[in-house]
């Protein structure tokens, strides 16, 4: 049996750059949340935080021995970087993009899907980002 998981990740900064946090949810095929985490990142841009959220999610999914991952992102820029629609020109984002490429090798299949911010799991991840920022970035 192939373990397929869905990942929903979000990152944000208050200011751009500014204090930032990342969060993710790992969801089973039958929509059960298996893991939800958030982390304070320090000073980052919004796009850096989005990438770091995805990286944390992929690392966690690899620990769960997932074989196939569908990554849901609300960041159009990061999503288009990862699908190859946009080139990654920024050096910092290029480094993070490369880390995602490295992590993809942990799985048989990885896909990236842009979803609207109204997605319930993206909203939950966004809430975790804001809670983390409220607690840490005072």
Foldseek 3Di string as FASTA:
>chain_A
DAFEKEKEKAKADDPAFHWIKIKMFIAGPVGDTPDIDMDTDGTHGRLLRRLVNVLVRLVVVLVVVHAEYEYEYQDPVVLCCQVVVDPDDDPSVVVSSVSVVVSCVSHNYYHYDYDHCPPPRNVVRVVNGVVNCVVPVD
